[in-house]
Amino acid sequence: MKLNPFAVMAEQFDGTGLVFHPETNAAVSLNKTGVYLWNRLKEGADEAALAAGLLERYDGVTQEKAEADVAAFLEELRSRSLLSEE
């Protein structure tokens, strides 16, 4: 998986973020978890590593919930041309 190299994420003072996609002039807001996942993707994390990171980061999250949340996040990025399988 690879983030769109033209997309830019700006982290806000409260830990949320805003992703700007210059090819479509679209902006996507990210909550704190989305910012965490985005930054991990930039580091090259795969889907399993992202889910493991959520398990470590948040108390009370199950493996199934972490995997489902990561899958939904990645699908949202793909649908907005912010993530490719390259």
PDB file of N, CA and C in Angstrom:
ATOM      1  N   MET A   1       0.842  -1.174   0.000  1.00  0.00           N
ATOM      2  CA  MET A   1       0.000   0.000   0.000  1.00  0.00           C
ATOM      3  C   MET A   1       0.886   1.235   0.000  1.00  0.00           C
ATOM      4  N   LYS A   2       0.403   2.226  -0.695  1.00  0.00           N
ATOM      5  CA  LYS A   2       1.170   3.464  -0.780  1.00  0.00           C
ATOM      6  C   LYS A   2       0.222   4.649  -0.814  1.00  0.00           C
ATOM      7  N   LEU A   3       0.514   5.637   0.034  1.00  0.00           N
ATOM      8  CA  LEU A   3      -0.269   6.863   0.018  1.00  0.00           C
ATOM      9  C   LEU A   3      -0.003   7.638  -1.256  1.00  0.00           C
ATOM     10  N   ASN A   4      -1.014   8.345  -1.727  1.00  0.00           N
ATOM     11  CA  ASN A   4      -0.857   9.199  -2.891  1.00  0.00           C
ATOM     12  C   ASN A   4       0.236  10.225  -2.573  1.00  0.00           C
ATOM     13  N   PRO A   5       1.303  10.266  -3.367  1.00  0.00           N
ATOM     14  CA  PRO A   5       2.422  11.159  -3.050  1.00  0.00           C
ATOM     15  C   PRO A   5       2.086  12.639  -3.177  1.00  0.00           C
ATOM     16  N   PHE A   6       0.986  12.966  -3.827  1.00  0.00           N
ATOM     17  CA  PHE A   6       0.591  14.359  -3.990  1.00  0.00           C
ATOM     18  C   PHE A   6      -0.308  14.852  -2.863  1.00  0.00           C
ATOM     19  N   ALA A   7      -0.872  13.924  -2.101  1.00  0.00           N
ATOM     20  CA  ALA A   7      -1.756  14.295  -0.994  1.00  0.00           C
ATOM     21  C   ALA A   7      -0.914  14.806   0.174  1.00  0.00           C
ATOM     22  N   VAL A   8      -1.436  15.820   0.830  1.00  0.00           N
ATOM     23  CA  VAL A   8      -0.736  16.445   1.947  1.00  0.00           C
ATOM     24  C   VAL A   8      -1.645  16.400   3.169  1.00  0.00           C
ATOM     25  N   MET A   9      -1.085  15.945   4.304  1.00  0.00           N
ATOM     26  CA  MET A   9      -1.853  15.931   5.543  1.00  0.00           C
ATOM     27  C   MET A   9      -1.264  16.965   6.485  1.00  0.00           C
ATOM     28  N   ALA A  10      -2.116  17.837   6.989  1.00  0.00           N
ATOM     29  CA  ALA A  10      -1.706  18.837   7.971  1.00  0.00           C
ATOM     30  C   ALA A  10      -2.355  18.487   9.300  1.00  0.00           C
ATOM     31  N   GLU A  11      -1.516  18.240  10.292  1.00  0.00           N
ATOM     32  CA  GLU A  11      -2.039  17.928  11.616  1.00  0.00           C
ATOM     33  C   GLU A  11      -2.408  19.224  12.323  1.00  0.00           C
ATOM     34  N   GLN A  12      -3.570  19.224  12.941  1.00  0.00           N
ATOM     35  CA  GLN A  12      -4.075  20.399  13.632  1.00  0.00           C
ATOM     36  C   GLN A  12      -3.605  20.406  15.085  1.00  0.00           C
ATOM     37  N   PHE A  13      -3.763  21.510  15.760  1.00  0.00           N
ATOM     38  CA  PHE A  13      -3.303  21.661  17.140  1.00  0.00           C
ATOM     39  C   PHE A  13      -3.960  20.673  18.091  1.00  0.00           C
ATOM     40  N   ASP A  14      -5.162  20.201  17.765  1.00  0.00           N
ATOM     41  CA  ASP A  14      -5.884  19.292  18.656  1.00  0.00           C
ATOM     42  C   ASP A  14      -5.657  17.821  18.328  1.00  0.00           C
ATOM     43  N   GLY A  15      -4.731  17.528  17.409  1.00  0.00           N
ATOM     44  CA  GLY A  15      -4.419  16.149  17.063  1.00  0.00           C
ATOM     45  C   GLY A  15      -5.206  15.604  15.895  1.00  0.00           C
ATOM     46  N   THR A  16      -6.201  16.346  15.423  1.00  0.00           N
ATOM     47  CA  THR A  16      -6.920  15.931  14.220  1.00  0.00           C
ATOM     48  C   THR A  16      -6.110  16.372  13.009  1.00  0.00           C
ATOM     49  N   GLY A  17      -6.583  16.037  11.829  1.00  0.00           N
ATOM     50  CA  GLY A  17      -5.830  16.402  10.639  1.00  0.00           C
ATOM     51  C   GLY A  17      -6.726  16.697   9.461  1.00  0.00           C
ATOM     52  N   LEU A  18      -6.119  17.284   8.452  1.00  0.00           N
ATOM     53  CA  LEU A  18      -6.812  17.602   7.216  1.00  0.00           C
ATOM     54  C   LEU A  18      -5.919  17.151   6.065  1.00  0.00           C
ATOM     55  N   VAL A  19      -6.474  16.301   5.203  1.00  0.00           N
ATOM     56  CA  VAL A  19      -5.746  15.816   4.032  1.00  0.00           C
ATOM     57  C   VAL A  19      -6.264  16.568   2.825  1.00  0.00           C
ATOM     58  N   PHE A  20      -5.344  17.151   2.069  1.00  0.00           N
ATOM     59  CA  PHE A  20      -5.704  17.850   0.835  1.00  0.00           C
ATOM     60  C   PHE A  20      -5.202  17.037  -0.345  1.00  0.00           C
ATOM     61  N   HIS A  21      -6.097  16.800  -1.283  1.00  0.00           N
ATOM     62  CA  HIS A  21      -5.784  16.043  -2.493  1.00  0.00           C
ATOM     63  C   HIS A  21      -5.752  17.037  -3.650  1.00  0.00           C
ATOM     64  N   PRO A  22      -4.564  17.463  -4.098  1.00  0.00           N
ATOM     65  CA  PRO A  22      -4.482  18.510  -5.118  1.00  0.00           C
ATOM     66  C   PRO A  22      -5.031  18.122  -6.486  1.00  0.00           C
ATOM     67  N   GLU A  23      -5.076  16.836  -6.790  1.00  0.00           N
ATOM     68  CA  GLU A  23      -5.585  16.420  -8.091  1.00  0.00           C
ATOM     69  C   GLU A  23      -7.098  16.593  -8.191  1.00  0.00           C
ATOM     70  N   THR A  24      -7.784  16.517  -7.055  1.00  0.00           N
ATOM     71  CA  THR A  24      -9.239  16.650  -7.060  1.00  0.00           C
ATOM     72  C   THR A  24      -9.706  17.897  -6.321  1.00  0.00           C
ATOM     73  N   ASN A  25      -8.790  18.618  -5.701  1.00  0.00           N
ATOM     74  CA  ASN A  25      -9.110  19.788  -4.869  1.00  0.00           C
ATOM     75  C   ASN A  25     -10.049  19.432  -3.721  1.00  0.00           C
ATOM     76  N   ALA A  26      -9.976  18.201  -3.271  1.00  0.00           N
ATOM     77  CA  ALA A  26     -10.823  17.746  -2.168  1.00  0.00           C
ATOM     78  C   ALA A  26     -10.029  17.728  -0.873  1.00  0.00           C
ATOM     79  N   ALA A  27     -10.734  17.960   0.209  1.00  0.00           N
ATOM     80  CA  ALA A  27     -10.130  17.886   1.532  1.00  0.00           C
ATOM     81  C   ALA A  27     -10.897  16.850   2.350  1.00  0.00           C
ATOM     82  N   VAL A  28     -10.154  16.106   3.148  1.00  0.00           N
ATOM     83  CA  VAL A  28     -10.731  15.077   3.999  1.00  0.00           C
ATOM     84  C   VAL A  28     -10.243  15.334   5.417  1.00  0.00           C
ATOM     85  N   SER A  29     -11.175  15.375   6.353  1.00  0.00           N
ATOM     86  CA  SER A  29     -10.753  15.567   7.737  1.00  0.00           C
ATOM     87  C   SER A  29     -10.522  14.206   8.395  1.00  0.00           C
ATOM     88  N   LEU A  30      -9.529  14.168   9.268  1.00  0.00           N
ATOM     89  CA  LEU A  30      -9.179  12.954   9.996  1.00  0.00           C
ATOM     90  C   LEU A  30      -9.300  13.211  11.487  1.00  0.00           C
ATOM     91  N   ASN A  31      -9.836  12.236  12.206  1.00  0.00           N
ATOM     92  CA  ASN A  31      -9.822  12.337  13.651  1.00  0.00           C
ATOM     93  C   ASN A  31      -8.427  11.910  14.136  1.00  0.00           C
ATOM     94  N   LYS A  32      -8.222  11.885  15.437  1.00  0.00           N
ATOM     95  CA  LYS A  32      -6.897  11.569  15.977  1.00  0.00           C
ATOM     96  C   LYS A  32      -6.436  10.174  15.558  1.00  0.00           C
ATOM     97  N   THR A  33      -7.341   9.228  15.518  1.00  0.00           N
ATOM     98  CA  THR A  33      -6.986   7.868  15.099  1.00  0.00           C
ATOM     99  C   THR A  33      -6.604   7.857  13.621  1.00  0.00           C
ATOM    100  N   GLY A  34      -7.338   8.600  12.809  1.00  0.00           N
ATOM    101  CA  GLY A  34      -7.012   8.700  11.391  1.00  0.00           C
ATOM    102  C   GLY A  34      -5.644   9.303  11.167  1.00  0.00           C
ATOM    103  N   VAL A  35      -5.285  10.315  11.955  1.00  0.00           N
ATOM    104  CA  VAL A  35      -3.950  10.919  11.853  1.00  0.00           C
ATOM    105  C   VAL A  35      -2.890   9.882  12.210  1.00  0.00           C
ATOM    106  N   TYR A  36      -3.138   9.133  13.277  1.00  0.00           N
ATOM    107  CA  TYR A  36      -2.195   8.078  13.684  1.00  0.00           C
ATOM    108  C   TYR A  36      -2.010   7.064  12.549  1.00  0.00           C
ATOM    109  N   LEU A  37      -3.122   6.592  11.986  1.00  0.00           N
ATOM    110  CA  LEU A  37      -3.034   5.602  10.905  1.00  0.00           C
ATOM    111  C   LEU A  37      -2.345   6.174   9.676  1.00  0.00           C
ATOM    112  N   TRP A  38      -2.657   7.416   9.324  1.00  0.00           N
ATOM    113  CA  TRP A  38      -2.023   8.071   8.176  1.00  0.00           C
ATOM    114  C   TRP A  38      -0.505   8.116   8.365  1.00  0.00           C
ATOM    115  N   ASN A  39      -0.083   8.530   9.549  1.00  0.00           N
ATOM    116  CA  ASN A  39       1.359   8.619   9.813  1.00  0.00           C
ATOM    117  C   ASN A  39       2.027   7.258   9.781  1.00  0.00           C
ATOM    118  N   ARG A  40       1.347   6.236  10.265  1.00  0.00           N
ATOM    119  CA  ARG A  40       1.900   4.872  10.195  1.00  0.00           C
ATOM    120  C   ARG A  40       2.000   4.401   8.747  1.00  0.00           C
ATOM    121  N   LEU A  41       1.003   4.751   7.930  1.00  0.00           N
ATOM    122  CA  LEU A  41       1.066   4.396   6.511  1.00  0.00           C
ATOM    123  C   LEU A  41       2.256   5.076   5.840  1.00  0.00           C
ATOM    124  N   LYS A  42       2.511   6.328   6.191  1.00  0.00           N
ATOM    125  CA  LYS A  42       3.665   7.041   5.641  1.00  0.00           C
ATOM    126  C   LYS A  42       4.969   6.330   5.992  1.00  0.00           C
ATOM    127  N   GLU A  43       4.994   5.675   7.151  1.00  0.00           N
ATOM    128  CA  GLU A  43       6.176   4.935   7.586  1.00  0.00           C
ATOM    129  C   GLU A  43       6.277   3.562   6.924  1.00  0.00           C
ATOM    130  N   GLY A  44       5.228   3.160   6.189  1.00  0.00           N
ATOM    131  CA  GLY A  44       5.255   1.886   5.488  1.00  0.00           C
ATOM    132  C   GLY A  44       4.546   0.743   6.182  1.00  0.00           C
ATOM    133  N   ALA A  45       3.763   1.041   7.209  1.00  0.00           N
ATOM    134  CA  ALA A  45       3.043  -0.011   7.928  1.00  0.00           C
ATOM    135  C   ALA A  45       2.024  -0.688   7.016  1.00  0.00           C
ATOM    136  N   ASP A  46       1.864  -2.001   7.212  1.00  0.00           N
ATOM    137  CA  ASP A  46       0.836  -2.719   6.462  1.00  0.00           C
ATOM    138  C   ASP A  46      -0.432  -2.814   7.312  1.00  0.00           C
ATOM    139  N   GLU A  47      -1.448  -3.448   6.771  1.00  0.00           N
ATOM    140  CA  GLU A  47      -2.748  -3.509   7.432  1.00  0.00           C
ATOM    141  C   GLU A  47      -2.665  -4.182   8.804  1.00  0.00           C
ATOM    142  N   ALA A  48      -1.905  -5.270   8.895  1.00  0.00           N
ATOM    143  CA  ALA A  48      -1.763  -5.980  10.171  1.00  0.00           C
ATOM    144  C   ALA A  48      -1.066  -5.099  11.205  1.00  0.00           C
ATOM    145  N   ALA A  49      -0.036  -4.366  10.793  1.00  0.00           N
ATOM    146  CA  ALA A  49       0.683  -3.483  11.714  1.00  0.00           C
ATOM    147  C   ALA A  49      -0.200  -2.340  12.181  1.00  0.00           C
ATOM    148  N   LEU A  50      -1.062  -1.843  11.306  1.00  0.00           N
ATOM    149  CA  LEU A  50      -1.983  -0.778  11.692  1.00  0.00           C
ATOM    150  C   LEU A  50      -2.957  -1.271  12.764  1.00  0.00           C
ATOM    151  N   ALA A  51      -3.513  -2.459  12.563  1.00  0.00           N
ATOM    152  CA  ALA A  51      -4.444  -3.024  13.543  1.00  0.00           C
ATOM    153  C   ALA A  51      -3.731  -3.284  14.867  1.00  0.00           C
ATOM    154  N   ALA A  52      -2.521  -3.807  14.814  1.00  0.00           N
ATOM    155  CA  ALA A  52      -1.749  -4.054  16.035  1.00  0.00           C
ATOM    156  C   ALA A  52      -1.482  -2.742  16.768  1.00  0.00           C
ATOM    157  N   GLY A  53      -1.224  -1.689  16.029  1.00  0.00           N
ATOM    158  CA  GLY A  53      -0.997  -0.385  16.634  1.00  0.00           C
ATOM    159  C   GLY A  53      -2.220   0.135  17.364  1.00  0.00           C
ATOM    160  N   LEU A  54      -3.394  -0.104  16.801  1.00  0.00           N
ATOM    161  CA  LEU A  54      -4.620   0.319  17.475  1.00  0.00           C
ATOM    162  C   LEU A  54      -4.832  -0.462  18.766  1.00  0.00           C
ATOM    163  N   LEU A  55      -4.504  -1.756  18.730  1.00  0.00           N
ATOM    164  CA  LEU A  55      -4.634  -2.574  19.937  1.00  0.00           C
ATOM    165  C   LEU A  55      -3.725  -2.072  21.048  1.00  0.00           C
ATOM    166  N   GLU A  56      -2.526  -1.671  20.693  1.00  0.00           N
ATOM    167  CA  GLU A  56      -1.579  -1.155  21.683  1.00  0.00           C
ATOM    168  C   GLU A  56      -1.993   0.225  22.184  1.00  0.00           C
ATOM    169  N   ARG A  57      -2.545   1.006  21.320  1.00  0.00           N
ATOM    170  CA  ARG A  57      -2.829   2.418  21.618  1.00  0.00           C
ATOM    171  C   ARG A  57      -4.101   2.634  22.431  1.00  0.00           C
ATOM    172  N   TYR A  58      -5.113   1.817  22.200  1.00  0.00           N
ATOM    173  CA  TYR A  58      -6.417   2.042  22.803  1.00  0.00           C
ATOM    174  C   TYR A  58      -6.849   0.859  23.663  1.00  0.00           C
ATOM    175  N   ASP A  59      -7.188   1.138  24.907  1.00  0.00           N
ATOM    176  CA  ASP A  59      -7.703   0.115  25.812  1.00  0.00           C
ATOM    177  C   ASP A  59      -9.106  -0.298  25.385  1.00  0.00           C
ATOM    178  N   GLY A  60      -9.399  -1.569  25.540  1.00  0.00           N
ATOM    179  CA  GLY A  60     -10.740  -2.056  25.282  1.00  0.00           C
ATOM    180  C   GLY A  60     -11.060  -2.350  23.829  1.00  0.00           C
ATOM    181  N   VAL A  61     -10.106  -2.147  22.936  1.00  0.00           N
ATOM    182  CA  VAL A  61     -10.336  -2.443  21.519  1.00  0.00           C
ATOM    183  C   VAL A  61     -10.016  -3.915  21.272  1.00  0.00           C
ATOM    184  N   THR A  62     -10.937  -4.603  20.636  1.00  0.00           N
ATOM    185  CA  THR A  62     -10.705  -6.011  20.307  1.00  0.00           C
ATOM    186  C   THR A  62      -9.954  -6.130  18.980  1.00  0.00           C
ATOM    187  N   GLN A  63      -9.380  -7.283  18.753  1.00  0.00           N
ATOM    188  CA  GLN A  63      -8.688  -7.552  17.496  1.00  0.00           C
ATOM    189  C   GLN A  63      -9.636  -7.355  16.321  1.00  0.00           C
ATOM    190  N   GLU A  64     -10.856  -7.875  16.451  1.00  0.00           N
ATOM    191  CA  GLU A  64     -11.837  -7.776  15.375  1.00  0.00           C
ATOM    192  C   GLU A  64     -12.204  -6.319  15.083  1.00  0.00           C
ATOM    193  N   LYS A  65     -12.386  -5.533  16.136  1.00  0.00           N
ATOM    194  CA  LYS A  65     -12.740  -4.120  15.967  1.00  0.00           C
ATOM    195  C   LYS A  65     -11.592  -3.360  15.323  1.00  0.00           C
ATOM    196  N   ALA A  66     -10.363  -3.617  15.775  1.00  0.00           N
ATOM    197  CA  ALA A  66      -9.198  -2.945  15.201  1.00  0.00           C
ATOM    198  C   ALA A  66      -9.063  -3.273  13.720  1.00  0.00           C
ATOM    199  N   GLU A  67      -9.210  -4.542  13.369  1.00  0.00           N
ATOM    200  CA  GLU A  67      -9.107  -4.955  11.966  1.00  0.00           C
ATOM    201  C   GLU A  67     -10.213  -4.331  11.125  1.00  0.00           C
ATOM    202  N   ALA A  68     -11.431  -4.300  11.660  1.00  0.00           N
ATOM    203  CA  ALA A  68     -12.556  -3.718  10.919  1.00  0.00           C
ATOM    204  C   ALA A  68     -12.365  -2.216  10.730  1.00  0.00           C
ATOM    205  N   ASP A  69     -11.902  -1.537  11.767  1.00  0.00           N
ATOM    206  CA  ASP A  69     -11.692  -0.092  11.671  1.00  0.00           C
ATOM    207  C   ASP A  69     -10.583   0.242  10.679  1.00  0.00           C
ATOM    208  N   VAL A  70      -9.515  -0.522  10.698  1.00  0.00           N
ATOM    209  CA  VAL A  70      -8.420  -0.296   9.755  1.00  0.00           C
ATOM    210  C   VAL A  70      -8.897  -0.553   8.333  1.00  0.00           C
ATOM    211  N   ALA A  71      -9.623  -1.640   8.133  1.00  0.00           N
ATOM    212  CA  ALA A  71     -10.131  -1.959   6.795  1.00  0.00           C
ATOM    213  C   ALA A  71     -11.041  -0.848   6.278  1.00  0.00           C
ATOM    214  N   ALA A  72     -11.903  -0.314   7.138  1.00  0.00           N
ATOM    215  CA  ALA A  72     -12.806   0.767   6.733  1.00  0.00           C
ATOM    216  C   ALA A  72     -12.021   2.036   6.399  1.00  0.00           C
ATOM    217  N   PHE A  73     -11.012   2.346   7.204  1.00  0.00           N
ATOM    218  CA  PHE A  73     -10.180   3.520   6.954  1.00  0.00           C
ATOM    219  C   PHE A  73      -9.456   3.391   5.617  1.00  0.00           C
ATOM    220  N   LEU A  74      -8.859   2.237   5.372  1.00  0.00           N
ATOM    221  CA  LEU A  74      -8.127   2.027   4.120  1.00  0.00           C
ATOM    222  C   LEU A  74      -9.065   2.091   2.920  1.00  0.00           C
ATOM    223  N   GLU A  75     -10.253   1.527   3.050  1.00  0.00           N
ATOM    224  CA  GLU A  75     -11.212   1.573   1.950  1.00  0.00           C
ATOM    225  C   GLU A  75     -11.639   3.006   1.658  1.00  0.00           C
ATOM    226  N   GLU A  76     -11.810   3.800   2.707  1.00  0.00           N
ATOM    227  CA  GLU A  76     -12.165   5.214   2.525  1.00  0.00           C
ATOM    228  C   GLU A  76     -11.045   5.945   1.781  1.00  0.00           C
ATOM    229  N   LEU A  77      -9.814   5.681   2.150  1.00  0.00           N
ATOM    230  CA  LEU A  77      -8.682   6.313   1.450  1.00  0.00           C
ATOM    231  C   LEU A  77      -8.636   5.885  -0.009  1.00  0.00           C
ATOM    232  N   ARG A  78      -8.858   4.600  -0.265  1.00  0.00           N
ATOM    233  CA  ARG A  78      -8.859   4.100  -1.646  1.00  0.00           C
ATOM    234  C   ARG A  78      -9.966   4.765  -2.464  1.00  0.00           C
ATOM    235  N   SER A  79     -11.144   4.893  -1.861  1.00  0.00           N
ATOM    236  CA  SER A  79     -12.283   5.465  -2.602  1.00  0.00           C
ATOM    237  C   SER A  79     -12.050   6.934  -2.947  1.00  0.00           C
ATOM    238  N   ARG A  80     -11.160   7.585  -2.225  1.00  0.00           N
ATOM    239  CA  ARG A  80     -10.851   8.997  -2.487  1.00  0.00           C
ATOM    240  C   ARG A  80      -9.515   9.157  -3.228  1.00  0.00           C
ATOM    241  N   SER A  81      -8.992   8.054  -3.771  1.00  0.00           N
ATOM    242  CA  SER A  81      -7.720   8.040  -4.526  1.00  0.00           C
ATOM    243  C   SER A  81      -6.546   8.550  -3.691  1.00  0.00           C
ATOM    244  N   LEU A  82      -6.583   8.258  -2.405  1.00  0.00           N
ATOM    245  CA  LEU A  82      -5.491   8.668  -1.517  1.00  0.00           C
ATOM    246  C   LEU A  82      -4.564   7.501  -1.188  1.00  0.00           C
ATOM    247  N   LEU A  83      -4.949   6.289  -1.604  1.00  0.00           N
ATOM    248  CA  LEU A  83      -4.168   5.102  -1.316  1.00  0.00           C
ATOM    249  C   LEU A  83      -4.230   4.164  -2.503  1.00  0.00           C
ATOM    250  N   SER A  84      -3.089   3.601  -2.857  1.00  0.00           N
ATOM    251  CA  SER A  84      -3.041   2.631  -3.944  1.00  0.00           C
ATOM    252  C   SER A  84      -2.388   1.352  -3.425  1.00  0.00           C
ATOM    253  N   GLU A  85      -2.487   0.316  -4.192  1.00  0.00           N
ATOM    254  CA  GLU A  85      -1.915  -0.975  -3.797  1.00  0.00           C
ATOM    255  C   GLU A  85      -0.481  -1.166  -4.283  1.00  0.00           C
ATOM    256  N   GLU A  86       0.087  -0.162  -4.885  1.00  0.00           N
ATOM    257  CA  GLU A  86       1.457  -0.257  -5.424  1.00  0.00           C
ATOM    258  C   GLU A  86       2.460  -0.536  -4.344  1.00  0.00           C
TER     259      GLU A  86
END
